[in-house]
């Protein structure tokens, strides 16, 4: 279950993905059994813990994990009881292995979700919500599911170059500058997350810090070359001084902080300058980010903190809370 692949780690070190909702999904919070209408506590937990990777806002092509409706479709049938489903989901989250999954197609596409230290009580409430309630789903999901869940489709090759062997060709014809910039950001995030996840799964969080220190820039540069764009992740509180935002980027970071505070939708900012486009898009934190960006001895373990200080002596990227603006994507690309 590709499930949470970017889910934690991307967050863990590469700021994280935007948690906002999107108009392109079917919104439903109705209870399947009974007449209750109040919101189940598991919904908020699912939004906090799962939406970063399993969000409905991503298109089918741009996803880093399947939507939660896919989890429900694969794990729940008329023969499974609520207790069995809760146990099954808890077993998966506590021990994500290929043998323990019921979504082999998602594993082939996204990889195995790394272990996440979520409380059993939270997993139980999320499972109860998934079992009892109708789950929001992207508009494309029904047709995709009916076509055999995309089996055998694979990832197409891009005509941009051999580095794009894992990227589908993205036709920019009739696409808005916002759509193009967001695609570049999401694909870079996906590539960073895939490699970081692999390191976390095999070697743990401490080694993932070293991996990110050594490989984040080369991977980002590779994606810049792939898309013929300049792709950066910048922050007002950088961990690596090379990620420090400039004056203009600082203004947009503050704008997004104000928008988030005022509960406004966080939208891409497009600035056209002669023959190029400057694209800005927020990077927000989730609960998993706090393992490396939260409070010391509350979210961040002392050995993790010591490793951070060894790798990043001038680190400023601490003391974040869930759903804070960590920084922005700053991307420049040509108009044609």
Protein backbone atom coordinates (compact mmCIF):
# COMPACT_ATOMS: atom_id res chain seq x y z
CA UNK A 1 0.00 0.00 0.00
CA UNK A 2 1.85 2.88 -1.23
CA UNK A 3 -0.11 4.13 1.34
CA UNK A 4 1.85 6.39 3.38
CA UNK A 5 4.95 6.42 1.38
CA UNK A 6 5.52 10.07 1.29
CA UNK A 7 3.42 10.00 4.22
CA UNK A 8 6.00 10.32 6.85
CA UNK A 9 9.25 10.85 5.48
CA UNK A 10 8.82 13.30 2.91
CA UNK A 11 7.63 15.21 5.80
CA UNK A 12 10.28 14.09 8.04
CA UNK A 13 12.94 16.05 6.27
CA UNK A 14 11.64 17.65 3.27
CA UNK A 15 9.07 19.88 4.73
CA UNK A 16 5.84 18.26 3.64
CA UNK A 17 2.85 18.36 1.56
CA UNK A 18 -0.07 20.66 1.59
CA UNK A 19 -3.00 19.36 3.54
CA UNK A 20 -5.66 21.49 1.95
CA UNK A 21 -8.76 20.02 0.39
CA UNK A 22 -9.66 20.23 -3.26
CA UNK A 23 -12.87 20.74 -5.12
CA UNK A 24 -12.21 17.75 -7.34
CA UNK A 25 -13.53 15.14 -4.96
CA UNK A 26 -16.85 13.91 -3.72
CA UNK A 27 -17.46 15.10 -0.17
CA UNK A 28 -19.38 12.78 2.10
CA UNK A 29 -19.48 12.26 5.85
CA UNK A 30 -22.61 10.14 6.11
CA UNK A 31 -22.81 7.16 8.40
CA UNK A 32 -23.51 3.93 6.54
CA UNK A 33 -25.21 2.28 9.50
CA UNK A 34 -27.54 4.20 11.78
CA UNK A 35 -28.74 7.78 11.78
CA UNK A 36 -25.89 9.61 13.48
CA UNK A 37 -24.84 12.79 11.76
CA UNK A 38 -22.15 14.19 14.06
CA UNK A 39 -18.58 13.90 12.78
CA UNK A 40 -16.66 10.89 14.02
CA UNK A 41 -13.37 11.70 15.85
CA UNK A 42 -11.60 9.30 13.51
CA UNK A 43 -12.13 11.69 10.60
CA UNK A 44 -9.96 14.42 12.13
CA UNK A 45 -7.32 11.85 13.03
CA UNK A 46 -7.39 10.50 9.48
CA UNK A 47 -7.01 14.02 8.11
CA UNK A 48 -4.07 14.70 10.44
CA UNK A 49 -2.23 11.41 10.03
CA UNK A 50 -3.13 10.18 6.55
CA UNK A 51 -4.08 13.06 4.27
CA UNK A 52 -0.52 14.17 3.56
CA UNK A 53 0.05 11.13 1.37
CA UNK A 54 -3.48 9.83 0.83
CA UNK A 55 -5.06 13.20 0.01
CA UNK A 56 -7.89 13.38 -2.52
CA UNK A 57 -6.44 16.60 -3.87
CA UNK A 58 -3.79 14.83 -5.99
CA UNK A 59 -4.67 13.57 -9.43
CA UNK A 60 -4.32 9.89 -10.28
CA UNK A 61 -1.01 10.59 -12.06
CA UNK A 62 0.50 12.78 -9.34
CA UNK A 63 -0.17 10.62 -6.30
CA UNK A 64 2.41 9.37 -3.83
CA UNK A 65 -0.06 6.93 -2.21
CA UNK A 66 -3.55 5.62 -2.95
CA UNK A 67 -6.57 7.55 -1.60
CA UNK A 68 -8.15 6.21 1.59
CA UNK A 69 -11.20 5.03 -0.36
CA UNK A 70 -8.87 2.53 -2.07
CA UNK A 71 -7.84 1.21 1.34
CA UNK A 72 -11.49 0.74 2.24
CA UNK A 73 -12.31 -0.98 -1.07
CA UNK A 74 -9.43 -3.45 -0.71
CA UNK A 75 -9.78 -4.22 2.98
CA UNK A 76 -13.53 -4.25 3.57
CA UNK A 77 -16.07 -6.63 2.06
CA UNK A 78 -19.39 -8.05 3.19
CA UNK A 79 -17.67 -10.87 5.06
CA UNK A 80 -15.35 -8.79 7.25
CA UNK A 81 -16.51 -7.50 10.62
CA UNK A 82 -15.56 -4.14 12.08
CA UNK A 83 -13.35 -5.84 14.67
CA UNK A 84 -11.54 -7.79 11.95
CA UNK A 85 -10.98 -4.66 9.90
CA UNK A 86 -9.67 -2.69 12.88
CA UNK A 87 -7.28 -5.53 13.70
CA UNK A 88 -6.16 -5.82 10.08
CA UNK A 89 -5.47 -2.09 9.72
CA UNK A 90 -3.68 -1.96 13.06
CA UNK A 91 -1.50 -4.91 12.07
CA UNK A 92 -0.56 -3.18 8.82
CA UNK A 93 0.32 0.17 10.40
CA UNK A 94 2.31 -1.46 13.18
CA UNK A 95 4.11 -3.83 10.83
CA UNK A 96 3.96 -2.75 7.18
CA UNK A 97 5.33 -5.63 5.10
CA UNK A 98 4.50 -7.00 1.67
CA UNK A 99 3.11 -10.19 3.24
CA UNK A 100 0.92 -8.14 5.54
CA UNK A 101 -0.68 -6.06 2.79
CA UNK A 102 -3.86 -6.57 0.80
CA UNK A 103 -2.85 -4.03 -1.85
CA UNK A 104 -0.06 -5.58 -3.95
CA UNK A 105 -0.71 -3.18 -6.83
CA UNK A 106 -0.14 -0.17 -4.58
CA UNK A 107 3.08 -1.70 -3.26
CA UNK A 108 4.35 -2.24 -6.80
CA UNK A 109 3.64 1.35 -7.70
CA UNK A 110 4.50 3.19 -4.48
CA UNK A 111 6.56 0.80 -2.38
CA UNK A 112 5.92 -0.35 1.18
CA UNK A 113 4.89 2.25 3.70
CA UNK A 114 7.49 2.77 6.42
CA UNK A 115 6.64 2.13 10.05
CA UNK A 116 4.96 5.09 11.75
CA UNK A 117 4.66 5.27 15.56
CA UNK A 118 0.94 6.04 15.68
CA UNK A 119 -1.00 5.32 18.91
CA UNK A 120 -3.19 2.23 18.73
CA UNK A 121 -6.13 4.28 19.97
CA UNK A 122 -5.75 6.67 17.03
CA UNK A 123 -5.51 3.79 14.55
CA UNK A 124 -8.63 2.25 16.07
CA UNK A 125 -10.65 5.47 15.72
CA UNK A 126 -9.47 5.93 12.12
CA UNK A 127 -10.41 2.33 11.31
CA UNK A 128 -13.84 2.76 12.92
CA UNK A 129 -14.46 5.87 10.85
CA UNK A 130 -13.39 4.17 7.60
CA UNK A 131 -15.59 1.15 8.33
CA UNK A 132 -18.74 3.02 9.41
CA UNK A 133 -18.70 6.07 7.18
CA UNK A 134 -18.71 6.83 3.51
CA UNK A 135 -15.23 8.05 2.61
CA UNK A 136 -14.39 11.04 0.43
CA UNK A 137 -13.05 9.98 -2.94
CA UNK A 138 -11.52 11.64 -6.00
CA UNK A 139 -13.77 11.98 -9.03
CA UNK A 140 -11.49 9.71 -11.06
CA UNK A 141 -11.55 6.83 -8.57
CA UNK A 142 -14.66 4.90 -9.66
CA UNK A 143 -13.61 4.58 -13.28
CA UNK A 144 -10.06 3.71 -12.26
CA UNK A 145 -11.25 1.03 -9.83
CA UNK A 146 -13.53 -0.54 -12.43
CA UNK A 147 -10.62 -0.86 -14.84
CA UNK A 148 -8.92 -3.36 -12.58
CA UNK A 149 -7.22 -0.84 -10.29
CA UNK A 150 -4.75 0.10 -13.00
CA UNK A 151 -3.09 -3.33 -13.12
CA UNK A 152 -0.56 -3.71 -15.84
CA UNK A 153 -0.64 -0.02 -16.69
CA UNK A 154 2.80 0.78 -15.32
CA UNK A 155 4.48 4.13 -15.61
CA UNK A 156 4.98 5.53 -19.06
CA UNK A 157 8.31 6.89 -20.21
CA UNK A 158 8.75 10.58 -20.59
CA UNK A 159 10.24 11.95 -23.75
CA UNK A 160 12.29 14.43 -21.72
CA UNK A 161 15.22 12.08 -21.13
CA UNK A 162 16.34 8.81 -19.56
CA UNK A 163 16.14 10.28 -16.05
CA UNK A 164 12.38 10.36 -16.63
CA UNK A 165 12.07 6.58 -16.84
CA UNK A 166 9.78 6.63 -13.80
CA UNK A 167 7.85 9.70 -14.88
CA UNK A 168 4.79 9.78 -17.09
CA UNK A 169 4.97 12.24 -19.97
CA UNK A 170 3.31 15.46 -18.92
CA UNK A 171 1.81 17.33 -21.84
CA UNK A 172 1.85 21.02 -20.98
CA UNK A 173 -0.47 21.89 -23.87
CA UNK A 174 -3.53 23.73 -22.57
CA UNK A 175 -2.21 23.51 -19.01
CA UNK A 176 -2.17 26.63 -16.87
CA UNK A 177 1.12 27.85 -15.40
CA UNK A 178 -0.24 26.91 -11.97
CA UNK A 179 -0.89 23.34 -13.14
CA UNK A 180 2.58 23.05 -14.67
CA UNK A 181 4.35 24.42 -11.60
CA UNK A 182 2.36 22.22 -9.25
CA UNK A 183 3.15 19.17 -11.34
CA UNK A 184 6.88 19.92 -11.16
CA UNK A 185 6.66 20.41 -7.40
CA UNK A 186 4.68 17.23 -6.77
CA UNK A 187 6.89 15.09 -8.99
CA UNK A 188 10.03 16.38 -7.27
CA UNK A 189 8.45 15.74 -3.89
CA UNK A 190 7.53 12.26 -5.01
CA UNK A 191 11.07 11.47 -6.19
CA UNK A 192 12.62 12.80 -2.99
CA UNK A 193 10.11 10.93 -0.88
CA UNK A 194 10.56 7.62 -2.69
CA UNK A 195 14.29 7.60 -2.14
CA UNK A 196 14.05 8.88 1.41
CA UNK A 197 11.44 6.27 2.29
CA UNK A 198 13.68 3.51 1.06
CA UNK A 199 16.47 4.71 3.36
CA UNK A 200 14.17 5.04 6.37
CA UNK A 201 12.79 1.58 5.83
CA UNK A 202 16.19 -0.06 5.47
CA UNK A 203 18.34 1.98 7.83
CA UNK A 204 16.11 4.12 10.04
CA UNK A 205 15.53 7.82 10.66
CA UNK A 206 19.08 8.70 11.72
CA UNK A 207 20.56 7.36 8.49
CA UNK A 208 17.78 9.06 6.56
CA UNK A 209 19.08 12.37 7.88
CA UNK A 210 22.47 11.61 6.38
CA UNK A 211 20.87 10.51 3.14
CA UNK A 212 18.88 13.71 2.86
CA UNK A 213 22.00 15.74 3.62
CA UNK A 214 23.89 14.05 0.80
CA UNK A 215 21.22 13.35 -1.82
CA UNK A 216 18.43 15.93 -1.59
CA UNK A 217 20.24 18.48 -3.72
CA UNK A 218 21.39 16.05 -6.44
CA UNK A 219 17.87 14.63 -6.74
CA UNK A 220 16.32 18.10 -6.90
CA UNK A 221 18.88 19.15 -9.52
CA UNK A 222 18.06 16.02 -11.50
CA UNK A 223 14.39 16.95 -11.54
CA UNK A 224 15.28 20.51 -12.55
CA UNK A 225 17.18 19.13 -15.52
CA UNK A 226 14.35 16.76 -16.33
CA UNK A 227 11.75 19.53 -16.50
CA UNK A 228 14.11 22.22 -17.81
CA UNK A 229 13.24 24.35 -14.79
CA UNK A 230 14.86 25.70 -11.64
CA UNK A 231 13.32 23.89 -8.66
CA UNK A 232 14.03 24.92 -5.07
CA UNK A 233 12.63 24.30 -1.61
CA UNK A 234 13.20 27.37 0.54
CA UNK A 235 12.36 28.41 4.09
CA UNK A 236 12.52 31.35 6.47
CA UNK A 237 13.91 28.92 9.04
CA UNK A 238 16.21 26.72 6.95
CA UNK A 239 17.91 23.59 8.15
CA UNK A 240 20.47 23.89 5.40
CA UNK A 241 21.57 27.50 4.82
CA UNK A 242 21.41 26.83 1.08
CA UNK A 243 17.63 26.61 1.48
CA UNK A 244 17.32 30.13 2.88
CA UNK A 245 14.56 32.14 1.21
CA UNK A 246 15.40 35.41 -0.51
CA UNK A 247 13.52 38.66 0.09
CA UNK A 248 10.73 37.93 -2.40
CA UNK A 249 10.34 34.33 -1.22
CA UNK A 250 10.14 35.51 2.39
CA UNK A 251 7.22 37.74 1.45
CA UNK A 252 5.34 34.79 -0.02
CA UNK A 253 6.11 32.60 2.97
CA UNK A 254 4.62 35.27 5.21
CA UNK A 255 1.63 35.55 2.89
CA UNK A 256 0.96 31.82 3.21
CA UNK A 257 1.33 32.00 6.98
CA UNK A 258 -1.26 34.77 7.10
CA UNK A 259 -3.59 32.86 4.76
CA UNK A 260 -3.31 29.74 6.90
CA UNK A 261 -3.97 31.73 10.06
CA UNK A 262 -7.04 33.29 8.45
CA UNK A 263 -8.19 29.88 7.17
CA UNK A 264 -7.89 30.88 3.53
CA UNK A 265 -7.25 28.36 0.78
CA UNK A 266 -3.52 28.08 0.03
CA UNK A 267 -3.23 28.61 -3.72
CA UNK A 268 -0.17 28.70 -6.00
CA UNK A 269 1.20 32.15 -6.80
CA UNK A 270 2.20 32.81 -10.41
CA UNK A 271 4.42 35.73 -11.39
CA UNK A 272 5.11 36.20 -15.11
CA UNK A 273 8.36 37.91 -16.05
CA UNK A 274 9.08 38.29 -19.77
CA UNK A 275 9.51 34.74 -21.10
CA UNK A 276 9.65 32.94 -17.73
CA UNK A 277 7.21 32.05 -14.96
CA UNK A 278 7.93 32.14 -11.23
CA UNK A 279 5.82 29.61 -9.32
CA UNK A 280 5.40 29.65 -5.54
CA UNK A 281 3.56 27.01 -3.51
CA UNK A 282 3.47 26.37 0.27
CA UNK A 283 5.06 23.46 2.10
CA UNK A 284 3.21 22.71 5.34
CA UNK A 285 4.03 20.41 8.23
CA UNK A 286 2.18 17.33 9.41
CA UNK A 287 2.56 15.19 12.52
CA UNK A 288 5.38 13.13 11.02
CA UNK A 289 7.47 16.21 10.23
CA UNK A 290 7.71 16.90 13.93
CA UNK A 291 10.04 13.95 14.43
CA UNK A 292 12.76 16.18 12.97
CA UNK A 293 11.17 19.63 13.08
CA UNK A 294 9.19 19.68 16.34
CA UNK A 295 10.17 20.39 19.93
CA UNK A 296 13.20 18.72 21.47
CA UNK A 297 12.33 15.92 23.94
CA UNK A 298 8.67 16.27 22.98
CA UNK A 299 8.69 15.41 19.29
CA UNK A 300 12.40 15.19 18.47
CA UNK A 301 14.47 12.52 20.23
CA UNK A 302 17.83 13.55 21.62
CA UNK A 303 19.82 11.26 19.30
CA UNK A 304 17.96 12.70 16.31
CA UNK A 305 18.69 16.22 17.52
CA UNK A 306 22.39 15.42 17.97
CA UNK A 307 22.56 14.07 14.41
CA UNK A 308 20.83 17.18 13.08
CA UNK A 309 23.33 19.44 14.82
CA UNK A 310 26.22 17.40 13.44
CA UNK A 311 24.95 17.64 9.88
CA UNK A 312 23.45 21.13 10.11
CA UNK A 313 25.32 23.25 12.71
CA UNK A 314 23.28 26.36 11.78
CA UNK A 315 19.91 24.61 11.83
CA UNK A 316 16.87 26.82 12.47
CA UNK A 317 14.16 24.35 11.51
CA UNK A 318 12.83 23.34 14.92
CA UNK A 319 9.78 23.97 17.13
CA UNK A 320 7.15 23.55 14.43
CA UNK A 321 3.64 22.33 15.12
CA UNK A 322 1.23 20.45 12.86
CA UNK A 323 -0.01 22.45 9.86
CA UNK A 324 2.56 25.24 10.02
CA UNK A 325 4.05 26.76 6.88
CA UNK A 326 7.54 25.27 6.76
CA UNK A 327 8.57 26.96 3.52
CA UNK A 328 7.65 27.10 -0.16
CA UNK A 329 8.42 25.58 -3.49
CA UNK A 330 10.09 28.24 -5.62
CA UNK A 331 10.16 27.14 -9.27
CA UNK A 332 11.12 29.00 -12.41
CA UNK A 333 10.31 27.68 -15.89
CA UNK A 334 9.99 29.03 -19.42
CA UNK A 335 6.61 29.92 -20.87
CA UNK A 336 7.02 27.73 -23.94
